[in-house]
Amino acid sequence: MLIDPVLETVERDLKLVDELGLQLVYVLDTHIHADHITGAGEIRRLTGCRTVVSSGTGVTCADMKSEDGDAIAFGARQIEVITTPGHTNGCVSYFCEGMVFTGDALLIRGTGRTDFQGGSAIKLYDSITRKLFALPDDKLVYPAHDYRGQTHSTIGMEKRFNPRVAGKSQAEFVKILSDLKLADPKKIHEAVPANLACGQRGLPGRV
């Protein structure tokens, strides 16, 4: 499986899959990204793999629409779908063998923003504190990206040290996010329509 591939790095990613002698069966997106175009559609075209998004995204071009609690099998393993809305309304996290891939819901010492694409600070707070923080403390957290070069954390570390949620009430979290006043992602007007079409520009919602 590949999670949250980026269009510009498709060649690199498929080269690694080939070098490792693996068969790619699924590409999963955690949500409709606003800061890059997904590589899902292009990878599907090149490999014949299946694409997966949350049913909450409204995307019609993906091969599978996931729901909370779904288990997607690949080889002898499976990955569990955990719906974690808030950054966007269709966000999910994926849990597999002690690792949770949190997309932009829970970041390393941060969280996703909630000011566009149906975002809700209240929903995000609940997703993090009631679902992700319910996982054992030793589970590894892999967010979709980190702008400071960090690759992973743990649930326990984020529960203790994440400045947006550690020890914060829901009301405090909502205020923190409302005070951010962030600029729109540079690629939002290009990325969101393309990602609603599985990364294929100019095809509104269907490939």
N, C-alpha and C. Protein backbone atom coordinates (compact mmCIF):
# COMPACT_ATOMS: atom_id res chain seq x y z
N MET A 1 0.82 -1.19 0.00
CA MET A 1 0.00 0.00 0.00
C MET A 1 0.86 1.25 0.00
N LEU A 2 0.38 2.27 -0.66
CA LEU A 2 0.95 3.60 -0.55
C LEU A 2 -0.12 4.53 0.03
N ILE A 3 0.28 5.37 0.97
CA ILE A 3 -0.64 6.31 1.60
C ILE A 3 -0.24 7.73 1.24
N ASP A 4 -1.21 8.52 0.78
CA ASP A 4 -1.02 9.93 0.45
C ASP A 4 0.12 10.19 -0.53
N PRO A 5 0.12 9.52 -1.68
CA PRO A 5 1.18 9.79 -2.67
C PRO A 5 1.00 11.16 -3.30
N VAL A 6 2.10 11.72 -3.76
CA VAL A 6 2.12 13.04 -4.39
C VAL A 6 2.43 12.86 -5.87
N LEU A 7 1.72 13.59 -6.72
CA LEU A 7 1.85 13.41 -8.17
C LEU A 7 3.30 13.55 -8.63
N GLU A 8 4.00 14.53 -8.10
CA GLU A 8 5.37 14.79 -8.56
C GLU A 8 6.36 13.69 -8.18
N THR A 9 6.01 12.82 -7.23
CA THR A 9 6.96 11.78 -6.80
C THR A 9 6.49 10.38 -7.17
N VAL A 10 5.56 10.28 -8.11
CA VAL A 10 5.06 8.97 -8.52
C VAL A 10 6.19 8.09 -9.06
N GLU A 11 7.03 8.64 -9.92
CA GLU A 11 8.12 7.85 -10.49
C GLU A 11 9.05 7.32 -9.41
N ARG A 12 9.40 8.17 -8.46
CA ARG A 12 10.26 7.74 -7.35
C ARG A 12 9.62 6.62 -6.54
N ASP A 13 8.34 6.80 -6.22
CA ASP A 13 7.65 5.81 -5.38
C ASP A 13 7.54 4.46 -6.08
N LEU A 14 7.19 4.46 -7.35
CA LEU A 14 7.04 3.19 -8.07
C LEU A 14 8.39 2.53 -8.31
N LYS A 15 9.44 3.31 -8.43
CA LYS A 15 10.79 2.74 -8.55
C LYS A 15 11.13 1.96 -7.27
N LEU A 16 10.80 2.52 -6.10
CA LEU A 16 11.07 1.83 -4.85
C LEU A 16 10.24 0.56 -4.72
N VAL A 17 8.97 0.63 -5.09
CA VAL A 17 8.12 -0.56 -5.06
C VAL A 17 8.73 -1.67 -5.91
N ASP A 18 9.20 -1.29 -7.09
CA ASP A 18 9.81 -2.26 -8.00
C ASP A 18 11.11 -2.81 -7.42
N GLU A 19 11.94 -1.94 -6.86
CA GLU A 19 13.22 -2.38 -6.29
C GLU A 19 13.01 -3.35 -5.13
N LEU A 20 11.96 -3.16 -4.36
CA LEU A 20 11.68 -4.03 -3.22
C LEU A 20 10.98 -5.32 -3.63
N GLY A 21 10.62 -5.43 -4.91
CA GLY A 21 9.96 -6.63 -5.38
C GLY A 21 8.55 -6.80 -4.86
N LEU A 22 7.86 -5.68 -4.63
CA LEU A 22 6.51 -5.71 -4.06
C LEU A 22 5.46 -5.55 -5.15
N GLN A 23 4.26 -6.01 -4.86
CA GLN A 23 3.11 -5.77 -5.74
C GLN A 23 2.22 -4.74 -5.06
N LEU A 24 2.03 -3.61 -5.71
CA LEU A 24 1.20 -2.55 -5.16
C LEU A 24 -0.26 -2.88 -5.42
N VAL A 25 -1.06 -2.97 -4.36
CA VAL A 25 -2.47 -3.32 -4.53
C VAL A 25 -3.42 -2.18 -4.22
N TYR A 26 -3.01 -1.25 -3.33
CA TYR A 26 -3.89 -0.14 -2.98
C TYR A 26 -3.10 1.16 -2.84
N VAL A 27 -3.74 2.24 -3.21
CA VAL A 27 -3.29 3.59 -2.87
C VAL A 27 -4.39 4.24 -2.06
N LEU A 28 -4.03 4.74 -0.87
CA LEU A 28 -5.01 5.32 0.04
C LEU A 28 -4.72 6.79 0.27
N ASP A 29 -5.74 7.62 0.19
CA ASP A 29 -5.61 9.02 0.58
C ASP A 29 -6.33 9.23 1.90
N THR A 30 -5.70 10.00 2.80
CA THR A 30 -6.34 10.27 4.09
C THR A 30 -7.43 11.34 3.99
N HIS A 31 -7.35 12.19 2.96
CA HIS A 31 -8.35 13.24 2.77
C HIS A 31 -8.10 13.93 1.44
N ILE A 32 -8.93 14.90 1.12
CA ILE A 32 -8.73 15.71 -0.08
C ILE A 32 -7.74 16.80 0.26
N HIS A 33 -6.52 16.62 -0.16
CA HIS A 33 -5.44 17.56 0.18
C HIS A 33 -5.61 18.88 -0.55
N ALA A 34 -5.19 19.96 0.12
CA ALA A 34 -5.24 21.28 -0.50
C ALA A 34 -3.86 21.81 -0.85
N ASP A 35 -2.80 21.09 -0.45
CA ASP A 35 -1.45 21.61 -0.67
C ASP A 35 -0.65 20.83 -1.70
N HIS A 36 -1.23 19.75 -2.23
CA HIS A 36 -0.57 19.03 -3.32
C HIS A 36 -1.62 18.21 -4.07
N ILE A 37 -1.25 17.77 -5.26
CA ILE A 37 -2.13 16.91 -6.05
C ILE A 37 -1.76 15.46 -5.79
N THR A 38 -2.75 14.65 -5.50
CA THR A 38 -2.50 13.25 -5.22
C THR A 38 -1.96 12.51 -6.45
N GLY A 39 -1.14 11.52 -6.20
CA GLY A 39 -0.65 10.67 -7.28
C GLY A 39 -1.51 9.45 -7.50
N ALA A 40 -2.64 9.35 -6.79
CA ALA A 40 -3.46 8.14 -6.82
C ALA A 40 -3.90 7.75 -8.22
N GLY A 41 -4.46 8.70 -8.96
CA GLY A 41 -4.97 8.38 -10.29
C GLY A 41 -3.88 7.95 -11.25
N GLU A 42 -2.73 8.62 -11.19
CA GLU A 42 -1.62 8.28 -12.07
C GLU A 42 -1.04 6.91 -11.72
N ILE A 43 -0.92 6.62 -10.43
CA ILE A 43 -0.41 5.31 -10.02
C ILE A 43 -1.37 4.21 -10.43
N ARG A 44 -2.66 4.46 -10.30
CA ARG A 44 -3.64 3.47 -10.75
C ARG A 44 -3.52 3.22 -12.25
N ARG A 45 -3.32 4.29 -13.01
CA ARG A 45 -3.17 4.15 -14.47
C ARG A 45 -1.94 3.31 -14.82
N LEU A 46 -0.87 3.49 -14.09
CA LEU A 46 0.39 2.83 -14.40
C LEU A 46 0.47 1.40 -13.88
N THR A 47 -0.24 1.11 -12.79
CA THR A 47 -0.06 -0.20 -12.14
C THR A 47 -1.31 -1.05 -12.09
N GLY A 48 -2.48 -0.44 -12.24
CA GLY A 48 -3.71 -1.19 -12.10
C GLY A 48 -4.14 -1.42 -10.67
N CYS A 49 -3.50 -0.75 -9.71
CA CYS A 49 -3.89 -0.89 -8.31
C CYS A 49 -5.24 -0.21 -8.09
N ARG A 50 -5.81 -0.41 -6.91
CA ARG A 50 -7.09 0.20 -6.56
C ARG A 50 -6.87 1.42 -5.67
N THR A 51 -7.72 2.43 -5.83
CA THR A 51 -7.62 3.65 -5.03
C THR A 51 -8.72 3.66 -3.98
N VAL A 52 -8.38 4.24 -2.81
CA VAL A 52 -9.29 4.23 -1.67
C VAL A 52 -9.35 5.62 -1.06
N VAL A 53 -10.56 6.12 -0.82
CA VAL A 53 -10.78 7.36 -0.07
C VAL A 53 -11.96 7.14 0.86
N SER A 54 -12.11 8.02 1.83
CA SER A 54 -13.26 7.96 2.72
C SER A 54 -14.55 8.28 1.97
N SER A 55 -15.62 7.63 2.36
CA SER A 55 -16.93 7.93 1.76
C SER A 55 -17.35 9.37 2.05
N GLY A 56 -16.75 9.98 3.07
CA GLY A 56 -17.10 11.34 3.44
C GLY A 56 -16.50 12.41 2.54
N THR A 57 -15.63 12.02 1.61
CA THR A 57 -14.99 13.00 0.74
C THR A 57 -15.87 13.46 -0.42
N GLY A 58 -16.83 12.64 -0.81
CA GLY A 58 -17.64 12.95 -1.97
C GLY A 58 -16.98 12.60 -3.29
N VAL A 59 -15.80 11.99 -3.25
CA VAL A 59 -15.08 11.61 -4.47
C VAL A 59 -15.79 10.41 -5.11
N THR A 60 -16.04 10.48 -6.41
CA THR A 60 -16.72 9.39 -7.11
C THR A 60 -15.79 8.52 -7.94
N CYS A 61 -14.54 8.98 -8.13
CA CYS A 61 -13.65 8.27 -9.05
C CYS A 61 -12.83 7.19 -8.38
N ALA A 62 -12.81 7.12 -7.04
CA ALA A 62 -12.01 6.11 -6.36
C ALA A 62 -12.67 4.74 -6.49
N ASP A 63 -11.86 3.69 -6.41
CA ASP A 63 -12.38 2.33 -6.53
C ASP A 63 -13.11 1.87 -5.28
N MET A 64 -12.67 2.37 -4.11
CA MET A 64 -13.28 1.97 -2.85
C MET A 64 -13.56 3.19 -2.00
N LYS A 65 -14.71 3.21 -1.33
CA LYS A 65 -15.06 4.26 -0.38
C LYS A 65 -15.06 3.62 1.00
N SER A 66 -14.18 4.07 1.87
CA SER A 66 -14.01 3.45 3.18
C SER A 66 -14.93 4.05 4.23
N GLU A 67 -15.27 3.24 5.22
CA GLU A 67 -16.09 3.65 6.36
C GLU A 67 -15.33 3.35 7.64
N ASP A 68 -15.74 4.00 8.72
CA ASP A 68 -15.11 3.79 10.01
C ASP A 68 -15.15 2.31 10.41
N GLY A 69 -13.98 1.77 10.80
CA GLY A 69 -13.90 0.38 11.22
C GLY A 69 -13.63 -0.61 10.11
N ASP A 70 -13.62 -0.15 8.86
CA ASP A 70 -13.30 -1.07 7.76
C ASP A 70 -11.89 -1.62 7.94
N ALA A 71 -11.70 -2.86 7.55
CA ALA A 71 -10.37 -3.48 7.53
C ALA A 71 -10.05 -3.85 6.08
N ILE A 72 -9.01 -3.25 5.55
CA ILE A 72 -8.62 -3.47 4.15
C ILE A 72 -7.43 -4.42 4.14
N ALA A 73 -7.62 -5.59 3.54
CA ALA A 73 -6.58 -6.62 3.56
C ALA A 73 -5.60 -6.41 2.42
N PHE A 74 -4.32 -6.63 2.71
CA PHE A 74 -3.28 -6.65 1.67
C PHE A 74 -2.25 -7.70 2.08
N GLY A 75 -2.14 -8.73 1.23
CA GLY A 75 -1.30 -9.87 1.59
C GLY A 75 -1.83 -10.52 2.87
N ALA A 76 -0.92 -10.79 3.80
CA ALA A 76 -1.32 -11.39 5.08
C ALA A 76 -1.66 -10.34 6.12
N ARG A 77 -1.68 -9.08 5.74
CA ARG A 77 -1.90 -7.98 6.68
C ARG A 77 -3.21 -7.27 6.38
N GLN A 78 -3.58 -6.39 7.30
CA GLN A 78 -4.74 -5.54 7.05
C GLN A 78 -4.53 -4.19 7.72
N ILE A 79 -5.20 -3.20 7.19
CA ILE A 79 -5.12 -1.85 7.73
C ILE A 79 -6.53 -1.41 8.11
N GLU A 80 -6.65 -0.81 9.29
CA GLU A 80 -7.97 -0.43 9.81
C GLU A 80 -8.23 1.04 9.55
N VAL A 81 -9.45 1.36 9.14
CA VAL A 81 -9.86 2.73 8.86
C VAL A 81 -10.47 3.34 10.12
N ILE A 82 -9.96 4.52 10.50
CA ILE A 82 -10.50 5.28 11.63
C ILE A 82 -10.92 6.64 11.09
N THR A 83 -12.20 6.94 11.11
CA THR A 83 -12.62 8.26 10.63
C THR A 83 -12.20 9.31 11.65
N THR A 84 -11.52 10.35 11.16
CA THR A 84 -11.01 11.42 12.03
C THR A 84 -11.31 12.78 11.41
N PRO A 85 -12.60 13.12 11.25
CA PRO A 85 -12.95 14.39 10.62
C PRO A 85 -12.56 15.59 11.48
N GLY A 86 -12.47 16.73 10.82
CA GLY A 86 -12.17 17.97 11.52
C GLY A 86 -11.28 18.87 10.68
N HIS A 87 -10.14 18.37 10.25
CA HIS A 87 -9.30 19.14 9.30
C HIS A 87 -10.11 19.35 8.02
N THR A 88 -10.65 18.27 7.49
CA THR A 88 -11.71 18.31 6.49
C THR A 88 -12.79 17.35 6.95
N ASN A 89 -13.94 17.42 6.34
CA ASN A 89 -15.04 16.57 6.79
C ASN A 89 -14.83 15.11 6.44
N GLY A 90 -13.95 14.84 5.46
CA GLY A 90 -13.77 13.46 5.00
C GLY A 90 -12.45 12.84 5.42
N CYS A 91 -11.84 13.33 6.47
CA CYS A 91 -10.53 12.81 6.90
C CYS A 91 -10.65 11.44 7.55
N VAL A 92 -9.67 10.59 7.26
CA VAL A 92 -9.54 9.31 7.96
C VAL A 92 -8.08 9.13 8.34
N SER A 93 -7.85 8.25 9.34
CA SER A 93 -6.52 7.78 9.69
C SER A 93 -6.50 6.28 9.43
N TYR A 94 -5.30 5.75 9.24
CA TYR A 94 -5.15 4.32 8.95
C TYR A 94 -4.24 3.69 10.00
N PHE A 95 -4.71 2.61 10.63
CA PHE A 95 -3.97 1.95 11.70
C PHE A 95 -3.53 0.57 11.26
N CYS A 96 -2.23 0.28 11.41
CA CYS A 96 -1.70 -1.00 10.96
C CYS A 96 -0.45 -1.36 11.76
N GLU A 97 -0.49 -2.49 12.42
CA GLU A 97 0.68 -3.08 13.07
C GLU A 97 1.46 -2.08 13.92
N GLY A 98 0.76 -1.41 14.81
CA GLY A 98 1.42 -0.50 15.75
C GLY A 98 1.71 0.88 15.20
N MET A 99 1.26 1.16 13.98
CA MET A 99 1.48 2.48 13.36
C MET A 99 0.13 3.08 12.99
N VAL A 100 -0.01 4.38 13.22
CA VAL A 100 -1.21 5.08 12.79
C VAL A 100 -0.81 6.23 11.88
N PHE A 101 -1.37 6.22 10.67
CA PHE A 101 -1.08 7.23 9.66
C PHE A 101 -2.21 8.25 9.72
N THR A 102 -1.90 9.43 10.25
CA THR A 102 -2.93 10.37 10.69
C THR A 102 -3.26 11.47 9.68
N GLY A 103 -2.66 11.42 8.50
CA GLY A 103 -2.95 12.48 7.53
C GLY A 103 -2.60 13.84 8.10
N ASP A 104 -3.54 14.79 7.99
CA ASP A 104 -3.33 16.12 8.56
C ASP A 104 -4.17 16.34 9.81
N ALA A 105 -4.76 15.28 10.36
CA ALA A 105 -5.55 15.43 11.58
C ALA A 105 -4.63 15.69 12.76
N LEU A 106 -3.76 14.74 13.06
CA LEU A 106 -2.79 14.89 14.14
C LEU A 106 -1.40 14.96 13.53
N LEU A 107 -0.72 16.08 13.77
CA LEU A 107 0.64 16.26 13.30
C LEU A 107 1.60 16.10 14.47
N ILE A 108 2.88 16.17 14.20
CA ILE A 108 3.87 16.09 15.27
C ILE A 108 3.94 17.45 15.95
N ARG A 109 3.48 17.50 17.19
CA ARG A 109 3.38 18.73 17.99
C ARG A 109 2.48 19.76 17.31
N GLY A 110 1.47 19.29 16.66
CA GLY A 110 0.53 20.19 16.01
C GLY A 110 -0.70 19.43 15.55
N THR A 111 -1.58 20.13 14.85
CA THR A 111 -2.78 19.52 14.27
C THR A 111 -3.05 20.20 12.94
N GLY A 112 -3.95 19.63 12.18
CA GLY A 112 -4.38 20.27 10.96
C GLY A 112 -5.20 21.52 11.26
N ARG A 113 -5.29 22.40 10.28
CA ARG A 113 -6.13 23.59 10.38
C ARG A 113 -7.58 23.18 10.10
N THR A 114 -8.52 24.06 10.40
CA THR A 114 -9.94 23.69 10.27
C THR A 114 -10.78 24.77 9.60
N ASP A 115 -10.12 25.63 8.82
CA ASP A 115 -10.83 26.81 8.32
C ASP A 115 -11.26 26.70 6.87
N PHE A 116 -11.23 25.49 6.27
CA PHE A 116 -11.77 25.33 4.92
C PHE A 116 -12.16 23.87 4.72
N GLN A 117 -12.82 23.58 3.58
CA GLN A 117 -13.23 22.22 3.20
C GLN A 117 -14.06 21.52 4.29
N GLY A 118 -15.01 22.24 4.85
CA GLY A 118 -15.89 21.65 5.85
C GLY A 118 -15.21 21.35 7.16
N GLY A 119 -14.10 22.03 7.43
CA GLY A 119 -13.37 21.80 8.67
C GLY A 119 -14.17 22.22 9.90
N SER A 120 -13.83 21.59 11.02
CA SER A 120 -14.50 21.90 12.29
C SER A 120 -13.53 21.62 13.43
N ALA A 121 -13.19 22.66 14.18
CA ALA A 121 -12.27 22.48 15.31
C ALA A 121 -12.88 21.56 16.37
N ILE A 122 -14.19 21.63 16.55
CA ILE A 122 -14.85 20.76 17.54
C ILE A 122 -14.73 19.30 17.11
N LYS A 123 -14.98 19.02 15.83
CA LYS A 123 -14.86 17.65 15.34
C LYS A 123 -13.42 17.16 15.42
N LEU A 124 -12.47 18.03 15.09
CA LEU A 124 -11.07 17.62 15.12
C LEU A 124 -10.63 17.31 16.55
N TYR A 125 -11.02 18.13 17.49
CA TYR A 125 -10.69 17.88 18.89
C TYR A 125 -11.22 16.51 19.33
N ASP A 126 -12.46 16.23 18.97
CA ASP A 126 -13.05 14.94 19.33
C ASP A 126 -12.34 13.78 18.62
N SER A 127 -11.99 13.97 17.34
CA SER A 127 -11.29 12.92 16.61
C SER A 127 -9.95 12.57 17.26
N ILE A 128 -9.24 13.62 17.68
CA ILE A 128 -7.92 13.40 18.28
C ILE A 128 -8.05 12.82 19.68
N THR A 129 -8.87 13.44 20.52
CA THR A 129 -8.90 13.04 21.93
C THR A 129 -9.69 11.76 22.17
N ARG A 130 -10.74 11.52 21.39
CA ARG A 130 -11.57 10.35 21.63
C ARG A 130 -11.17 9.13 20.81
N LYS A 131 -10.54 9.35 19.65
CA LYS A 131 -10.18 8.22 18.78
C LYS A 131 -8.68 7.97 18.76
N LEU A 132 -7.91 8.96 18.34
CA LEU A 132 -6.47 8.74 18.23
C LEU A 132 -5.82 8.58 19.60
N PHE A 133 -6.19 9.42 20.55
CA PHE A 133 -5.59 9.33 21.88
C PHE A 133 -6.13 8.14 22.68
N ALA A 134 -7.12 7.43 22.14
CA ALA A 134 -7.59 6.20 22.76
C ALA A 134 -6.68 5.02 22.42
N LEU A 135 -5.81 5.20 21.42
CA LEU A 135 -4.85 4.15 21.08
C LEU A 135 -3.77 4.07 22.14
N PRO A 136 -3.12 2.92 22.30
CA PRO A 136 -2.04 2.79 23.29
C PRO A 136 -0.93 3.80 23.05
N ASP A 137 -0.31 4.24 24.14
CA ASP A 137 0.69 5.31 24.08
C ASP A 137 1.89 4.97 23.20
N ASP A 138 2.21 3.69 23.05
CA ASP A 138 3.43 3.33 22.31
C ASP A 138 3.21 3.24 20.80
N LYS A 139 2.00 3.47 20.34
CA LYS A 139 1.75 3.37 18.90
C LYS A 139 2.40 4.55 18.17
N LEU A 140 3.04 4.24 17.06
CA LEU A 140 3.76 5.26 16.30
C LEU A 140 2.81 6.11 15.46
N VAL A 141 3.06 7.40 15.43
CA VAL A 141 2.26 8.35 14.67
C VAL A 141 3.06 8.81 13.46
N TYR A 142 2.50 8.58 12.27
CA TYR A 142 3.09 9.06 11.02
C TYR A 142 2.11 10.03 10.37
N PRO A 143 2.35 11.34 10.46
CA PRO A 143 1.47 12.30 9.79
C PRO A 143 1.76 12.36 8.30
N ALA A 144 0.88 13.03 7.57
CA ALA A 144 1.06 13.15 6.12
C ALA A 144 2.31 13.94 5.78
N HIS A 145 2.68 14.90 6.64
CA HIS A 145 3.89 15.68 6.39
C HIS A 145 4.30 16.39 7.67
N ASP A 146 5.52 16.87 7.66
CA ASP A 146 6.02 17.69 8.76
C ASP A 146 7.02 18.67 8.17
N TYR A 147 6.80 19.94 8.40
CA TYR A 147 7.63 20.96 7.77
C TYR A 147 8.95 21.21 8.50
N ARG A 148 9.17 20.48 9.60
CA ARG A 148 10.42 20.66 10.36
C ARG A 148 11.33 19.44 10.25
N GLY A 149 11.02 18.53 9.34
CA GLY A 149 11.90 17.41 9.09
C GLY A 149 11.71 16.22 10.01
N GLN A 150 10.71 16.25 10.87
CA GLN A 150 10.43 15.12 11.75
C GLN A 150 9.62 14.06 10.99
N THR A 151 9.87 12.81 11.27
CA THR A 151 9.21 11.76 10.51
C THR A 151 8.10 11.06 11.29
N HIS A 152 8.23 10.93 12.60
CA HIS A 152 7.21 10.23 13.37
C HIS A 152 7.28 10.60 14.84
N SER A 153 6.21 10.29 15.54
CA SER A 153 6.11 10.51 16.98
C SER A 153 5.41 9.29 17.56
N THR A 154 4.87 9.41 18.75
CA THR A 154 4.03 8.37 19.34
C THR A 154 2.77 9.01 19.90
N ILE A 155 1.76 8.18 20.11
CA ILE A 155 0.53 8.68 20.72
C ILE A 155 0.83 9.27 22.09
N GLY A 156 1.64 8.57 22.89
CA GLY A 156 1.97 9.06 24.23
C GLY A 156 2.68 10.40 24.22
N MET A 157 3.61 10.58 23.28
CA MET A 157 4.34 11.85 23.19
C MET A 157 3.41 12.99 22.82
N GLU A 158 2.49 12.73 21.89
CA GLU A 158 1.55 13.79 21.49
C GLU A 158 0.56 14.11 22.61
N LYS A 159 0.16 13.11 23.37
CA LYS A 159 -0.73 13.36 24.50
C LYS A 159 -0.06 14.23 25.55
N ARG A 160 1.26 14.11 25.66
CA ARG A 160 1.99 14.87 26.68
C ARG A 160 2.45 16.23 26.19
N PHE A 161 2.89 16.31 24.94
CA PHE A 161 3.63 17.50 24.51
C PHE A 161 3.01 18.28 23.35
N ASN A 162 1.93 17.80 22.76
CA ASN A 162 1.34 18.55 21.64
C ASN A 162 0.72 19.83 22.18
N PRO A 163 1.23 21.00 21.81
CA PRO A 163 0.79 22.24 22.45
C PRO A 163 -0.65 22.63 22.15
N ARG A 164 -1.23 22.04 21.12
CA ARG A 164 -2.61 22.41 20.79
C ARG A 164 -3.64 21.59 21.55
N VAL A 165 -3.28 20.36 21.92
CA VAL A 165 -4.28 19.49 22.54
C VAL A 165 -3.89 18.95 23.91
N ALA A 166 -2.61 18.87 24.21
CA ALA A 166 -2.19 18.28 25.50
C ALA A 166 -2.71 19.14 26.66
N GLY A 167 -3.60 18.57 27.45
CA GLY A 167 -4.15 19.28 28.61
C GLY A 167 -5.11 20.39 28.27
N LYS A 168 -5.51 20.48 27.01
CA LYS A 168 -6.39 21.56 26.59
C LYS A 168 -7.85 21.10 26.56
N SER A 169 -8.74 22.00 26.95
CA SER A 169 -10.17 21.72 26.82
C SER A 169 -10.58 21.93 25.36
N GLN A 170 -11.79 21.48 25.04
CA GLN A 170 -12.30 21.69 23.70
C GLN A 170 -12.37 23.18 23.37
N ALA A 171 -12.83 23.98 24.31
CA ALA A 171 -12.95 25.43 24.09
C ALA A 171 -11.59 26.06 23.86
N GLU A 172 -10.58 25.63 24.60
CA GLU A 172 -9.23 26.17 24.41
C GLU A 172 -8.69 25.79 23.04
N PHE A 173 -8.95 24.56 22.62
CA PHE A 173 -8.50 24.11 21.30
C PHE A 173 -9.15 24.92 20.19
N VAL A 174 -10.45 25.13 20.30
CA VAL A 174 -11.17 25.93 19.30
C VAL A 174 -10.59 27.33 19.20
N LYS A 175 -10.28 27.93 20.34
CA LYS A 175 -9.71 29.29 20.33
C LYS A 175 -8.31 29.29 19.70
N ILE A 176 -7.50 28.30 20.01
CA ILE A 176 -6.16 28.22 19.43
C ILE A 176 -6.24 28.20 17.91
N LEU A 177 -7.13 27.38 17.38
CA LEU A 177 -7.23 27.27 15.92
C LEU A 177 -7.85 28.53 15.30
N SER A 178 -8.80 29.11 15.99
CA SER A 178 -9.44 30.32 15.43
C SER A 178 -8.49 31.50 15.42
N ASP A 179 -7.47 31.47 16.27
CA ASP A 179 -6.50 32.57 16.33
C ASP A 179 -5.34 32.42 15.35
N LEU A 180 -5.29 31.32 14.59
CA LEU A 180 -4.14 31.07 13.72
C LEU A 180 -4.04 32.06 12.57
N LYS A 181 -5.16 32.37 11.93
CA LYS A 181 -5.20 33.33 10.81
C LYS A 181 -4.19 32.98 9.73
N LEU A 182 -4.27 31.75 9.23
CA LEU A 182 -3.32 31.26 8.24
C LEU A 182 -3.74 31.66 6.82
N ALA A 183 -2.76 31.85 5.97
CA ALA A 183 -3.03 32.08 4.55
C ALA A 183 -3.47 30.78 3.91
N ASP A 184 -4.22 30.85 2.82
CA ASP A 184 -4.62 29.64 2.10
C ASP A 184 -3.38 28.92 1.57
N PRO A 185 -3.44 27.58 1.50
CA PRO A 185 -2.34 26.86 0.82
C PRO A 185 -2.17 27.36 -0.60
N LYS A 186 -0.92 27.44 -1.06
CA LYS A 186 -0.63 28.03 -2.36
C LYS A 186 -1.33 27.31 -3.50
N LYS A 187 -1.50 25.99 -3.37
CA LYS A 187 -2.05 25.20 -4.48
C LYS A 187 -3.53 24.88 -4.31
N ILE A 188 -4.21 25.49 -3.36
CA ILE A 188 -5.56 25.06 -3.01
C ILE A 188 -6.50 25.09 -4.21
N HIS A 189 -6.43 26.12 -5.06
CA HIS A 189 -7.39 26.25 -6.16
C HIS A 189 -7.10 25.25 -7.28
N GLU A 190 -5.89 24.76 -7.35
CA GLU A 190 -5.53 23.73 -8.31
C GLU A 190 -5.69 22.34 -7.70
N ALA A 191 -5.26 22.19 -6.45
CA ALA A 191 -5.18 20.86 -5.83
C ALA A 191 -6.55 20.28 -5.50
N VAL A 192 -7.43 21.08 -4.91
CA VAL A 192 -8.72 20.52 -4.47
C VAL A 192 -9.54 19.99 -5.65
N PRO A 193 -9.74 20.76 -6.74
CA PRO A 193 -10.49 20.18 -7.87
C PRO A 193 -9.82 18.94 -8.46
N ALA A 194 -8.48 18.97 -8.56
CA ALA A 194 -7.77 17.81 -9.11
C ALA A 194 -7.93 16.60 -8.20
N ASN A 195 -7.87 16.81 -6.89
CA ASN A 195 -7.96 15.69 -5.96
C ASN A 195 -9.37 15.12 -5.87
N LEU A 196 -10.36 15.94 -6.14
CA LEU A 196 -11.72 15.42 -6.23
C LEU A 196 -11.88 14.52 -7.45
N ALA A 197 -10.92 14.63 -8.39
CA ALA A 197 -10.91 13.78 -9.58
C ALA A 197 -9.75 12.78 -9.52
N CYS A 198 -9.36 12.39 -8.29
CA CYS A 198 -8.29 11.39 -8.09
C CYS A 198 -6.95 11.83 -8.67
N GLY A 199 -6.74 13.15 -8.72
CA GLY A 199 -5.46 13.67 -9.19
C GLY A 199 -5.41 13.96 -10.66
N GLN A 200 -6.51 13.76 -11.36
CA GLN A 200 -6.55 14.01 -12.81
C GLN A 200 -7.14 15.40 -13.07
N ARG A 201 -6.31 16.31 -13.54
CA ARG A 201 -6.78 17.68 -13.76
C ARG A 201 -7.85 17.73 -14.84
N GLY A 202 -8.82 18.60 -14.60
CA GLY A 202 -9.82 18.87 -15.63
C GLY A 202 -10.95 17.86 -15.71
N LEU A 203 -10.95 16.87 -14.80
CA LEU A 203 -12.03 15.87 -14.80
C LEU A 203 -12.78 15.97 -13.50
N PRO A 204 -13.88 16.70 -13.45
CA PRO A 204 -14.56 16.99 -12.19
C PRO A 204 -15.22 15.76 -11.56
N GLY A 205 -14.47 15.10 -10.68
CA GLY A 205 -15.06 14.03 -9.88
C GLY A 205 -15.05 12.65 -10.49
N ARG A 206 -14.57 12.48 -11.73
CA ARG A 206 -14.62 11.16 -12.31
C ARG A 206 -13.43 10.96 -13.26
N VAL A 207 -12.85 9.75 -13.22
CA VAL A 207 -11.76 9.40 -14.13
C VAL A 207 -12.23 8.29 -15.04
